Amino acid sequence: MKKLNGRDQSIVVVMTILLLIALLVGFFAFFIEYMAPALQMKTQEQETSPQPATDHASPPNEVLPELEQESTTELINAPLLYPQAPEPEKPVITEPPTAQGTLIVVIDDAGNNLTDIEPFLRFPGSLTISVLPGLPHSVAVAQRIREAGKEVFLHQPMEAIGGQNPGPGALYTGMTRAEVRRTIEQNLAELWPVAGMNNHEGSKVTQDAGIMETVLEVCREWGIVFLDSRTIATSVAPVLAQRAGMTIAERDIFLDNSSDRDSVLKQFEEGKRKATRSGSVIMIGHSRTTALAALLNDLYPDLLKEGYQFSTVSSR
């Protein structure tokens, strides 16, 4: 073999040193890229793994700063869960009863005493109560009716075909127009204020066109309603009112021609049927009929549930 001279030997040494340096640099580069992260992860796993209890463990209530900070972070990042609000109670919807019609009840012949009308005044619904004029208790009864919130009518006495005594302040077929006017106005003034007037008896007078024209004129002038009690089918009041351009009311049902409860109830049921067919009905009873007062009070709650309503003659 050829022996290297001194210069060549120096070059070999330098190359060898450079080769060793390159190998060292490559090794450190490999260690940093691959080995160091693995060692770091292993170290972190050891740090986070549960540590065995020692005699010098922290008190139960003591929280290490690192753990406390980590717990706080988790709470901040955790989603907020609110309790679900209870669903509101659904309102109970009660369907209103189907309207069946309006019941207008008129109680005639009040004024004879102070006791007959009391059961009617306790009735919770609307009523029209018609007071006879010229009796000892007429004015007091009218006042009592108003205080109870019921409607007051003048129950104007009129001559009947049968010749019965209609009572004080009556109209007769032999009267002049002036006498008719004066009599009615005296009766109105006695009981005033009133909302209207209807005839007591009057089967003869209500067929007399001259007298009934005057009756309607006075009602128009005083601003009150006239209710034809229809004590006879041939009353001229409706025709005269139509000619004069007036609107009057007419009785549909008499409730107590027989005053026992069953008969009154039968008539009342007929009135209900008419109200359902026609929209309203005017039914006349009398203050002396105690069965009628009791029946009205007994039926009232059920009538409202059935869809009937009570009103007065002037509000029809």
C-alpha atoms as a PDB file:
ATOM      1  CA  MET A   1       0.000   0.000   0.000  1.00  0.00           C
ATOM      2  CA  LYS A   2       1.055   3.460  -0.711  1.00  0.00           C
ATOM      3  CA  LYS A   3       1.976   5.343   2.370  1.00  0.00           C
ATOM      4  CA  LEU A   4       0.278   8.644   2.795  1.00  0.00           C
ATOM      5  CA  ASN A   5       2.442  11.655   3.085  1.00  0.00           C
ATOM      6  CA  GLY A   6       1.938  14.246   5.761  1.00  0.00           C
ATOM      7  CA  ARG A   7      -0.356  16.448   3.715  1.00  0.00           C
ATOM      8  CA  ASP A   8      -2.639  13.599   2.796  1.00  0.00           C
ATOM      9  CA  GLN A   9      -2.786  12.417   6.350  1.00  0.00           C
ATOM     10  CA  SER A  10      -3.934  15.879   7.477  1.00  0.00           C
ATOM     11  CA  ILE A  11      -6.723  15.841   4.902  1.00  0.00           C
ATOM     12  CA  VAL A  12      -7.939  12.419   6.117  1.00  0.00           C
ATOM     13  CA  VAL A  13      -8.002  13.596   9.696  1.00  0.00           C
ATOM     14  CA  VAL A  14      -9.992  16.707   8.784  1.00  0.00           C
ATOM     15  CA  MET A  15     -12.464  14.685   6.741  1.00  0.00           C
ATOM     16  CA  THR A  16     -12.907  12.218   9.582  1.00  0.00           C
ATOM     17  CA  ILE A  17     -13.606  15.011  12.058  1.00  0.00           C
ATOM     18  CA  LEU A  18     -16.132  16.615   9.686  1.00  0.00           C
ATOM     19  CA  LEU A  19     -17.828  13.236   9.241  1.00  0.00           C
ATOM     20  CA  LEU A  20     -18.117  12.782  13.015  1.00  0.00           C
ATOM     21  CA  ILE A  21     -19.524  16.313  13.401  1.00  0.00           C
ATOM     22  CA  ALA A  22     -22.128  15.612  10.724  1.00  0.00           C
ATOM     23  CA  LEU A  23     -23.142  12.393  12.452  1.00  0.00           C
ATOM     24  CA  LEU A  24     -23.532  14.190  15.805  1.00  0.00           C
ATOM     25  CA  VAL A  25     -25.608  16.955  14.240  1.00  0.00           C
ATOM     26  CA  GLY A  26     -27.879  14.394  12.560  1.00  0.00           C
ATOM     27  CA  PHE A  27     -28.322  12.477  15.813  1.00  0.00           C
ATOM     28  CA  PHE A  28     -29.322  15.590  17.770  1.00  0.00           C
ATOM     29  CA  ALA A  29     -31.717  16.618  15.015  1.00  0.00           C
ATOM     30  CA  PHE A  30     -33.404  13.191  15.105  1.00  0.00           C
ATOM     31  CA  PHE A  31     -33.630  13.307  18.901  1.00  0.00           C
ATOM     32  CA  ILE A  32     -35.210  16.734  18.956  1.00  0.00           C
ATOM     33  CA  GLU A  33     -37.779  15.889  16.249  1.00  0.00           C
ATOM     34  CA  TYR A  34     -38.887  12.423  17.324  1.00  0.00           C
ATOM     35  CA  MET A  35     -37.666  11.459  20.743  1.00  0.00           C
ATOM     36  CA  ALA A  36     -38.161  14.688  22.738  1.00  0.00           C
ATOM     37  CA  PRO A  37     -41.969  15.002  22.154  1.00  0.00           C
ATOM     38  CA  ALA A  38     -42.511  11.391  23.203  1.00  0.00           C
ATOM     39  CA  LEU A  39     -40.509  11.894  26.367  1.00  0.00           C
ATOM     40  CA  GLN A  40     -42.468  15.111  27.079  1.00  0.00           C
ATOM     41  CA  MET A  41     -45.857  13.353  26.702  1.00  0.00           C
ATOM     42  CA  LYS A  42     -44.737  10.560  28.986  1.00  0.00           C
ATOM     43  CA  THR A  43     -43.648  13.098  31.579  1.00  0.00           C
ATOM     44  CA  GLN A  44     -47.048  14.876  31.408  1.00  0.00           C
ATOM     45  CA  GLU A  45     -48.906  11.578  31.834  1.00  0.00           C
ATOM     46  CA  GLN A  46     -46.907  10.830  34.945  1.00  0.00           C
ATOM     47  CA  GLU A  47     -47.637  14.283  36.333  1.00  0.00           C
ATOM     48  CA  THR A  48     -51.403  14.002  35.753  1.00  0.00           C
ATOM     49  CA  SER A  49     -51.773  10.413  36.991  1.00  0.00           C
ATOM     50  CA  PRO A  50     -53.222   9.978  40.556  1.00  0.00           C
ATOM     51  CA  GLN A  51     -50.535  10.218  43.213  1.00  0.00           C
ATOM     52  CA  PRO A  52     -50.492   7.820  46.167  1.00  0.00           C
ATOM     53  CA  ALA A  53     -51.684   9.285  49.416  1.00  0.00           C
ATOM     54  CA  THR A  54     -48.992  10.378  51.833  1.00  0.00           C
ATOM     55  CA  ASP A  55     -48.959  11.397  55.438  1.00  0.00           C
ATOM     56  CA  HIS A  56     -48.551  14.972  54.283  1.00  0.00           C
ATOM     57  CA  ALA A  57     -51.636  15.073  51.964  1.00  0.00           C
ATOM     58  CA  SER A  58     -53.448  18.361  51.655  1.00  0.00           C
ATOM     59  CA  PRO A  59     -56.530  18.887  53.843  1.00  0.00           C
ATOM     60  CA  PRO A  60     -59.839  17.887  52.198  1.00  0.00           C
ATOM     61  CA  ASN A  61     -61.026  21.463  51.759  1.00  0.00           C
ATOM     62  CA  GLU A  62     -57.723  22.727  50.346  1.00  0.00           C
ATOM     63  CA  VAL A  63     -57.641  23.170  46.575  1.00  0.00           C
ATOM     64  CA  LEU A  64     -54.305  23.424  44.837  1.00  0.00           C
ATOM     65  CA  PRO A  65     -53.940  26.523  42.694  1.00  0.00           C
ATOM     66  CA  GLU A  66     -53.419  24.565  39.457  1.00  0.00           C
ATOM     67  CA  LEU A  67     -56.536  22.413  39.998  1.00  0.00           C
ATOM     68  CA  GLU A  68     -58.622  25.359  41.065  1.00  0.00           C
ATOM     69  CA  GLN A  69     -57.696  27.206  37.917  1.00  0.00           C
ATOM     70  CA  GLU A  70     -58.515  24.198  35.753  1.00  0.00           C
ATOM     71  CA  SER A  71     -61.942  23.744  37.455  1.00  0.00           C
ATOM     72  CA  THR A  72     -62.783  27.387  36.955  1.00  0.00           C
ATOM     73  CA  THR A  73     -61.905  27.162  33.308  1.00  0.00           C
ATOM     74  CA  GLU A  74     -64.154  24.156  32.843  1.00  0.00           C
ATOM     75  CA  LEU A  75     -67.095  25.983  34.501  1.00  0.00           C
ATOM     76  CA  ILE A  76     -66.603  28.997  32.280  1.00  0.00           C
ATOM     77  CA  ASN A  77     -66.503  26.930  29.128  1.00  0.00           C
ATOM     78  CA  ALA A  78     -69.379  24.634  30.128  1.00  0.00           C
ATOM     79  CA  PRO A  79     -72.786  25.432  28.584  1.00  0.00           C
ATOM     80  CA  LEU A  80     -75.292  27.125  30.906  1.00  0.00           C
ATOM     81  CA  LEU A  81     -78.291  24.915  31.612  1.00  0.00           C
ATOM     82  CA  TYR A  82     -81.411  26.769  32.757  1.00  0.00           C
ATOM     83  CA  PRO A  83     -84.342  24.954  34.359  1.00  0.00           C
ATOM     84  CA  GLN A  84     -87.173  24.469  31.887  1.00  0.00           C
ATOM     85  CA  ALA A  85     -89.981  26.920  32.541  1.00  0.00           C
ATOM     86  CA  PRO A  86     -93.300  25.257  33.324  1.00  0.00           C
ATOM     87  CA  GLU A  87     -95.809  25.467  30.532  1.00  0.00           C
ATOM     88  CA  PRO A  88     -98.496  28.052  31.264  1.00  0.00           C
ATOM     89  CA  GLU A  89    -101.855  26.693  32.210  1.00  0.00           C
ATOM     90  CA  LYS A  90    -104.234  26.739  29.295  1.00  0.00           C
ATOM     91  CA  PRO A  91    -107.295  28.843  30.041  1.00  0.00           C
ATOM     92  CA  VAL A  92    -110.526  26.962  30.315  1.00  0.00           C
ATOM     93  CA  ILE A  93    -112.707  28.242  27.510  1.00  0.00           C
ATOM     94  CA  THR A  94    -116.376  28.073  28.300  1.00  0.00           C
ATOM     95  CA  GLU A  95    -118.551  28.376  25.276  1.00  0.00           C
ATOM     96  CA  PRO A  96    -121.330  30.927  25.842  1.00  0.00           C
ATOM     97  CA  PRO A  97    -124.789  29.454  25.611  1.00  0.00           C
ATOM     98  CA  THR A  98    -126.538  29.843  22.309  1.00  0.00           C
ATOM     99  CA  ALA A  99    -128.872  32.834  22.480  1.00  0.00           C
ATOM    100  CA  GLN A 100    -132.446  31.574  22.760  1.00  0.00           C
ATOM    101  CA  GLY A 101    -134.324  34.864  22.966  1.00  0.00           C
ATOM    102  CA  THR A 102    -135.401  37.638  25.298  1.00  0.00           C
ATOM    103  CA  LEU A 103    -138.022  37.112  27.981  1.00  0.00           C
ATOM    104  CA  ILE A 104    -139.976  40.222  28.971  1.00  0.00           C
ATOM    105  CA  VAL A 105    -142.149  39.633  32.016  1.00  0.00           C
ATOM    106  CA  VAL A 106    -144.710  42.253  33.078  1.00  0.00           C
ATOM    107  CA  ILE A 107    -146.291  42.051  36.530  1.00  0.00           C
ATOM    108  CA  ASP A 108    -149.696  43.785  36.557  1.00  0.00           C
ATOM    109  CA  ASP A 109    -152.025  45.011  39.317  1.00  0.00           C
ATOM    110  CA  ALA A 110    -149.342  46.260  41.734  1.00  0.00           C
ATOM    111  CA  GLY A 111    -150.467  48.913  44.238  1.00  0.00           C
ATOM    112  CA  ASN A 112    -153.129  47.040  46.209  1.00  0.00           C
ATOM    113  CA  ASN A 113    -150.692  46.423  49.077  1.00  0.00           C
ATOM    114  CA  LEU A 114    -147.003  46.487  49.941  1.00  0.00           C
ATOM    115  CA  THR A 115    -146.498  42.746  50.307  1.00  0.00           C
ATOM    116  CA  ASP A 116    -147.537  41.173  46.986  1.00  0.00           C
ATOM    117  CA  ILE A 117    -144.667  42.665  45.012  1.00  0.00           C
ATOM    118  CA  GLU A 118    -141.869  41.787  47.470  1.00  0.00           C
ATOM    119  CA  PRO A 119    -141.110  38.328  45.969  1.00  0.00           C
ATOM    120  CA  PHE A 120    -140.893  39.937  42.527  1.00  0.00           C
ATOM    121  CA  LEU A 121    -138.554  42.631  43.777  1.00  0.00           C
ATOM    122  CA  ARG A 122    -136.172  39.896  44.962  1.00  0.00           C
ATOM    123  CA  PHE A 123    -136.057  38.418  41.463  1.00  0.00           C
ATOM    124  CA  PRO A 124    -132.484  38.917  40.145  1.00  0.00           C
ATOM    125  CA  GLY A 125    -133.490  39.568  36.544  1.00  0.00           C
ATOM    126  CA  SER A 126    -135.174  42.500  34.837  1.00  0.00           C
ATOM    127  CA  LEU A 127    -138.903  42.982  35.286  1.00  0.00           C
ATOM    128  CA  THR A 128    -141.529  45.554  34.339  1.00  0.00           C
ATOM    129  CA  ILE A 129    -144.058  46.088  37.129  1.00  0.00           C
ATOM    130  CA  SER A 130    -147.268  47.952  36.298  1.00  0.00           C
ATOM    131  CA  VAL A 131    -148.908  49.948  39.113  1.00  0.00           C
ATOM    132  CA  LEU A 132    -152.609  50.813  39.387  1.00  0.00           C
ATOM    133  CA  PRO A 133    -153.268  54.509  40.139  1.00  0.00           C
ATOM    134  CA  GLY A 134    -155.384  56.025  42.884  1.00  0.00           C
ATOM    135  CA  LEU A 135    -154.929  53.241  45.480  1.00  0.00           C
ATOM    136  CA  PRO A 136    -153.694  53.827  49.066  1.00  0.00           C
ATOM    137  CA  HIS A 137    -150.336  52.174  48.327  1.00  0.00           C
ATOM    138  CA  SER A 138    -149.840  53.146  44.671  1.00  0.00           C
ATOM    139  CA  VAL A 139    -147.179  55.820  45.200  1.00  0.00           C
ATOM    140  CA  ALA A 140    -145.271  53.838  47.835  1.00  0.00           C
ATOM    141  CA  VAL A 141    -145.284  50.708  45.699  1.00  0.00           C
ATOM    142  CA  ALA A 142    -143.994  52.615  42.652  1.00  0.00           C
ATOM    143  CA  GLN A 143    -141.175  54.051  44.728  1.00  0.00           C
ATOM    144  CA  ARG A 144    -140.338  50.635  46.122  1.00  0.00           C
ATOM    145  CA  ILE A 145    -140.157  49.192  42.611  1.00  0.00           C
ATOM    146  CA  ARG A 146    -137.762  51.903  41.481  1.00  0.00           C
ATOM    147  CA  GLU A 147    -135.544  51.363  44.522  1.00  0.00           C
ATOM    148  CA  ALA A 148    -135.322  47.680  43.642  1.00  0.00           C
ATOM    149  CA  GLY A 149    -134.095  48.546  40.145  1.00  0.00           C
ATOM    150  CA  LYS A 150    -137.184  47.324  38.307  1.00  0.00           C
ATOM    151  CA  GLU A 151    -139.119  49.188  35.634  1.00  0.00           C
ATOM    152  CA  VAL A 152    -142.347  51.036  36.585  1.00  0.00           C
ATOM    153  CA  PHE A 153    -145.373  51.269  34.275  1.00  0.00           C
ATOM    154  CA  LEU A 154    -148.736  52.944  34.808  1.00  0.00           C
ATOM    155  CA  HIS A 155    -151.392  50.247  34.722  1.00  0.00           C
ATOM    156  CA  GLN A 156    -154.106  52.447  33.223  1.00  0.00           C
ATOM    157  CA  PRO A 157    -157.634  51.228  34.105  1.00  0.00           C
ATOM    158  CA  MET A 158    -160.032  51.076  31.145  1.00  0.00           C
ATOM    159  CA  GLU A 159    -163.659  50.065  30.731  1.00  0.00           C
ATOM    160  CA  ALA A 160    -164.316  46.387  29.953  1.00  0.00           C
ATOM    161  CA  ILE A 161    -167.159  44.868  27.933  1.00  0.00           C
ATOM    162  CA  GLY A 162    -168.414  42.955  30.947  1.00  0.00           C
ATOM    163  CA  GLY A 163    -168.969  46.094  32.993  1.00  0.00           C
ATOM    164  CA  GLN A 164    -166.476  45.238  35.760  1.00  0.00           C
ATOM    165  CA  ASN A 165    -165.271  48.118  37.914  1.00  0.00           C
ATOM    166  CA  PRO A 166    -161.762  48.901  36.601  1.00  0.00           C
ATOM    167  CA  GLY A 167    -160.873  51.021  39.659  1.00  0.00           C
ATOM    168  CA  PRO A 168    -159.863  54.655  40.251  1.00  0.00           C
ATOM    169  CA  GLY A 169    -158.620  56.798  37.392  1.00  0.00           C
ATOM    170  CA  ALA A 170    -160.307  54.709  34.704  1.00  0.00           C
ATOM    171  CA  LEU A 171    -161.158  55.607  31.091  1.00  0.00           C
ATOM    172  CA  TYR A 172    -164.683  55.106  29.786  1.00  0.00           C
ATOM    173  CA  THR A 173    -166.066  55.165  26.271  1.00  0.00           C
ATOM    174  CA  GLY A 174    -168.359  58.126  27.012  1.00  0.00           C
ATOM    175  CA  MET A 175    -165.458  60.452  27.816  1.00  0.00           C
ATOM    176  CA  THR A 176    -164.415  63.371  25.647  1.00  0.00           C
ATOM    177  CA  ARG A 177    -160.863  63.558  24.371  1.00  0.00           C
ATOM    178  CA  ALA A 178    -160.100  66.268  26.941  1.00  0.00           C
ATOM    179  CA  GLU A 179    -161.373  64.078  29.780  1.00  0.00           C
ATOM    180  CA  VAL A 180    -159.313  61.145  28.554  1.00  0.00           C
ATOM    181  CA  ARG A 181    -156.181  63.292  28.393  1.00  0.00           C
ATOM    182  CA  ARG A 182    -156.775  64.833  31.815  1.00  0.00           C
ATOM    183  CA  THR A 183    -157.369  61.449  33.472  1.00  0.00           C
ATOM    184  CA  ILE A 184    -154.235  59.853  32.013  1.00  0.00           C
ATOM    185  CA  GLU A 185    -152.031  62.832  32.873  1.00  0.00           C
ATOM    186  CA  GLN A 186    -153.277  62.874  36.484  1.00  0.00           C
ATOM    187  CA  ASN A 187    -152.411  59.186  36.808  1.00  0.00           C
ATOM    188  CA  LEU A 188    -148.971  59.693  35.253  1.00  0.00           C
ATOM    189  CA  ALA A 189    -148.243  62.626  37.552  1.00  0.00           C
ATOM    190  CA  GLU A 190    -149.193  60.557  40.596  1.00  0.00           C
ATOM    191  CA  LEU A 191    -146.713  57.750  39.820  1.00  0.00           C
ATOM    192  CA  TRP A 192    -144.101  59.681  37.883  1.00  0.00           C
ATOM    193  CA  PRO A 193    -141.498  58.810  36.716  1.00  0.00           C
ATOM    194  CA  VAL A 194    -142.682  55.826  34.725  1.00  0.00           C
ATOM    195  CA  ALA A 195    -141.296  54.195  31.572  1.00  0.00           C
ATOM    196  CA  GLY A 196    -144.610  53.318  29.980  1.00  0.00           C
ATOM    197  CA  MET A 197    -148.282  52.456  30.283  1.00  0.00           C
ATOM    198  CA  ASN A 198    -150.471  49.429  29.623  1.00  0.00           C
ATOM    199  CA  ASN A 199    -154.200  48.911  29.908  1.00  0.00           C
ATOM    200  CA  HIS A 200    -155.905  47.286  32.898  1.00  0.00           C
ATOM    201  CA  GLU A 201    -158.964  45.458  31.526  1.00  0.00           C
ATOM    202  CA  GLY A 202    -160.096  47.764  28.653  1.00  0.00           C
ATOM    203  CA  SER A 203    -161.699  45.267  26.306  1.00  0.00           C
ATOM    204  CA  LYS A 204    -164.263  47.962  25.452  1.00  0.00           C
ATOM    205  CA  VAL A 205    -162.062  51.071  25.414  1.00  0.00           C
ATOM    206  CA  THR A 206    -159.273  49.528  23.336  1.00  0.00           C
ATOM    207  CA  GLN A 207    -161.812  49.099  20.509  1.00  0.00           C
ATOM    208  CA  ASP A 208    -162.678  52.800  20.596  1.00  0.00           C
ATOM    209  CA  ALA A 209    -160.556  54.610  18.007  1.00  0.00           C
ATOM    210  CA  GLY A 210    -161.194  58.124  19.390  1.00  0.00           C
ATOM    211  CA  ILE A 211    -160.078  57.284  22.920  1.00  0.00           C
ATOM    212  CA  MET A 212    -157.106  55.189  21.810  1.00  0.00           C
ATOM    213  CA  GLU A 213    -155.853  57.956  19.515  1.00  0.00           C
ATOM    214  CA  THR A 214    -155.761  60.249  22.556  1.00  0.00           C
ATOM    215  CA  VAL A 215    -154.039  57.566  24.646  1.00  0.00           C
ATOM    216  CA  LEU A 216    -151.291  57.226  22.053  1.00  0.00           C
ATOM    217  CA  GLU A 217    -150.936  61.008  21.733  1.00  0.00           C
ATOM    218  CA  VAL A 218    -150.345  61.351  25.478  1.00  0.00           C
ATOM    219  CA  CYS A 219    -147.773  58.556  25.410  1.00  0.00           C
ATOM    220  CA  ARG A 220    -145.928  60.270  22.581  1.00  0.00           C
ATOM    221  CA  GLU A 221    -145.973  63.649  24.384  1.00  0.00           C
ATOM    222  CA  TRP A 222    -144.743  62.184  27.670  1.00  0.00           C
ATOM    223  CA  GLY A 223    -142.097  60.065  25.957  1.00  0.00           C
ATOM    224  CA  ILE A 224    -143.348  56.745  27.297  1.00  0.00           C
ATOM    225  CA  VAL A 225    -144.083  53.338  25.765  1.00  0.00           C
ATOM    226  CA  PHE A 226    -147.587  52.001  25.274  1.00  0.00           C
ATOM    227  CA  LEU A 227    -148.076  48.283  25.826  1.00  0.00           C
ATOM    228  CA  ASP A 228    -151.327  46.846  24.538  1.00  0.00           C
ATOM    229  CA  SER A 229    -152.287  44.135  27.023  1.00  0.00           C
ATOM    230  CA  ARG A 230    -154.502  42.678  24.285  1.00  0.00           C
ATOM    231  CA  THR A 231    -157.443  41.893  26.528  1.00  0.00           C
ATOM    232  CA  ILE A 232    -159.388  41.584  23.309  1.00  0.00           C
ATOM    233  CA  ALA A 233    -158.184  40.542  19.867  1.00  0.00           C
ATOM    234  CA  THR A 234    -159.988  43.427  18.125  1.00  0.00           C
ATOM    235  CA  SER A 235    -157.970  46.185  19.836  1.00  0.00           C
ATOM    236  CA  VAL A 236    -157.420  49.110  17.458  1.00  0.00           C
ATOM    237  CA  ALA A 237    -154.205  50.257  19.134  1.00  0.00           C
ATOM    238  CA  PRO A 238    -151.759  48.495  16.735  1.00  0.00           C
ATOM    239  CA  VAL A 239    -153.443  49.934  13.624  1.00  0.00           C
ATOM    240  CA  LEU A 240    -153.653  53.457  15.070  1.00  0.00           C
ATOM    241  CA  ALA A 241    -150.010  53.329  16.160  1.00  0.00           C
ATOM    242  CA  GLN A 242    -148.934  52.284  12.676  1.00  0.00           C
ATOM    243  CA  ARG A 243    -150.867  55.149  11.133  1.00  0.00           C
ATOM    244  CA  ALA A 244    -149.245  57.586  13.545  1.00  0.00           C
ATOM    245  CA  GLY A 245    -145.754  56.207  12.911  1.00  0.00           C
ATOM    246  CA  MET A 246    -145.461  54.970  16.480  1.00  0.00           C
ATOM    247  CA  THR A 247    -144.016  51.714  17.721  1.00  0.00           C
ATOM    248  CA  ILE A 248    -145.983  50.058  20.495  1.00  0.00           C
ATOM    249  CA  ALA A 249    -145.548  46.771  22.340  1.00  0.00           C
ATOM    250  CA  GLU A 250    -148.101  43.946  22.445  1.00  0.00           C
ATOM    251  CA  ARG A 251    -148.659  41.162  24.950  1.00  0.00           C
ATOM    252  CA  ASP A 252    -147.969  37.633  23.682  1.00  0.00           C
ATOM    253  CA  ILE A 253    -148.721  35.376  26.662  1.00  0.00           C
ATOM    254  CA  PHE A 254    -150.881  35.584  29.787  1.00  0.00           C
ATOM    255  CA  LEU A 255    -149.033  33.538  32.393  1.00  0.00           C
ATOM    256  CA  ASP A 256    -151.584  33.095  35.150  1.00  0.00           C
ATOM    257  CA  ASN A 257    -155.117  32.802  33.856  1.00  0.00           C
ATOM    258  CA  SER A 258    -154.883  29.746  36.107  1.00  0.00           C
ATOM    259  CA  SER A 259    -152.716  30.555  39.098  1.00  0.00           C
ATOM    260  CA  ASP A 260    -151.442  27.071  40.063  1.00  0.00           C
ATOM    261  CA  ARG A 261    -147.769  26.380  39.446  1.00  0.00           C
ATOM    262  CA  ASP A 262    -148.229  23.726  36.759  1.00  0.00           C
ATOM    263  CA  SER A 263    -150.487  25.975  34.690  1.00  0.00           C
ATOM    264  CA  VAL A 264    -148.126  28.923  35.049  1.00  0.00           C
ATOM    265  CA  LEU A 265    -145.161  26.737  34.073  1.00  0.00           C
ATOM    266  CA  LYS A 266    -147.000  25.488  31.000  1.00  0.00           C
ATOM    267  CA  GLN A 267    -147.646  29.051  29.844  1.00  0.00           C
ATOM    268  CA  PHE A 268    -144.065  30.028  30.603  1.00  0.00           C
ATOM    269  CA  GLU A 269    -142.757  27.168  28.449  1.00  0.00           C
ATOM    270  CA  GLU A 270    -144.935  28.412  25.610  1.00  0.00           C
ATOM    271  CA  GLY A 271    -143.416  31.849  26.081  1.00  0.00           C
ATOM    272  CA  LYS A 272    -139.920  30.374  25.856  1.00  0.00           C
ATOM    273  CA  ARG A 273    -140.765  28.682  22.573  1.00  0.00           C
ATOM    274  CA  LYS A 274    -142.107  31.930  21.140  1.00  0.00           C
ATOM    275  CA  ALA A 275    -138.970  33.809  22.249  1.00  0.00           C
ATOM    276  CA  THR A 276    -136.818  31.231  20.494  1.00  0.00           C
ATOM    277  CA  ARG A 277    -138.858  31.553  17.299  1.00  0.00           C
ATOM    278  CA  SER A 278    -139.336  35.314  17.270  1.00  0.00           C
ATOM    279  CA  GLY A 279    -136.390  36.626  19.292  1.00  0.00           C
ATOM    280  CA  SER A 280    -138.463  37.977  22.173  1.00  0.00           C
ATOM    281  CA  VAL A 281    -141.738  37.502  24.001  1.00  0.00           C
ATOM    282  CA  ILE A 282    -143.854  39.678  26.303  1.00  0.00           C
ATOM    283  CA  MET A 283    -145.567  37.702  29.054  1.00  0.00           C
ATOM    284  CA  ILE A 284    -148.004  39.254  31.552  1.00  0.00           C
ATOM    285  CA  GLY A 285    -148.651  37.929  35.044  1.00  0.00           C
ATOM    286  CA  HIS A 286    -150.114  39.439  38.185  1.00  0.00           C
ATOM    287  CA  SER A 287    -148.694  40.455  41.539  1.00  0.00           C
ATOM    288  CA  ARG A 288    -151.246  38.352  43.437  1.00  0.00           C
ATOM    289  CA  THR A 289    -149.945  35.099  41.895  1.00  0.00           C
ATOM    290  CA  THR A 290    -147.445  33.811  44.463  1.00  0.00           C
ATOM    291  CA  ALA A 291    -146.723  30.726  42.344  1.00  0.00           C
ATOM    292  CA  LEU A 292    -145.423  32.992  39.566  1.00  0.00           C
ATOM    293  CA  ALA A 293    -142.928  34.763  41.814  1.00  0.00           C
ATOM    294  CA  ALA A 294    -141.597  31.446  43.147  1.00  0.00           C
ATOM    295  CA  LEU A 295    -141.405  29.975  39.656  1.00  0.00           C
ATOM    296  CA  LEU A 296    -139.455  32.917  38.249  1.00  0.00           C
ATOM    297  CA  ASN A 297    -136.892  32.733  41.029  1.00  0.00           C
ATOM    298  CA  ASP A 298    -136.553  28.964  40.692  1.00  0.00           C
ATOM    299  CA  LEU A 299    -136.160  28.986  36.899  1.00  0.00           C
ATOM    300  CA  TYR A 300    -133.832  31.974  36.599  1.00  0.00           C
ATOM    301  CA  PRO A 301    -130.399  30.207  36.825  1.00  0.00           C
ATOM    302  CA  ASP A 302    -131.370  27.487  34.356  1.00  0.00           C
ATOM    303  CA  LEU A 303    -132.881  29.996  31.951  1.00  0.00           C
ATOM    304  CA  LEU A 304    -129.600  31.882  31.799  1.00  0.00           C
ATOM    305  CA  LYS A 305    -127.696  28.646  31.173  1.00  0.00           C
ATOM    306  CA  GLU A 306    -130.099  27.830  28.355  1.00  0.00           C
ATOM    307  CA  GLY A 307    -129.275  31.170  26.711  1.00  0.00           C
ATOM    308  CA  TYR A 308    -132.351  33.227  27.581  1.00  0.00           C
ATOM    309  CA  GLN A 309    -132.071  36.773  28.845  1.00  0.00           C
ATOM    310  CA  PHE A 310    -134.531  38.975  30.699  1.00  0.00           C
ATOM    311  CA  SER A 311    -135.351  42.518  29.684  1.00  0.00           C
ATOM    312  CA  THR A 312    -137.965  45.227  30.156  1.00  0.00           C
ATOM    313  CA  VAL A 313    -140.682  46.499  27.835  1.00  0.00           C
ATOM    314  CA  SER A 314    -138.977  49.855  27.222  1.00  0.00           C
ATOM    315  CA  SER A 315    -135.666  48.121  26.368  1.00  0.00           C
ATOM    316  CA  ARG A 316    -137.087  45.629  23.869  1.00  0.00           C
END
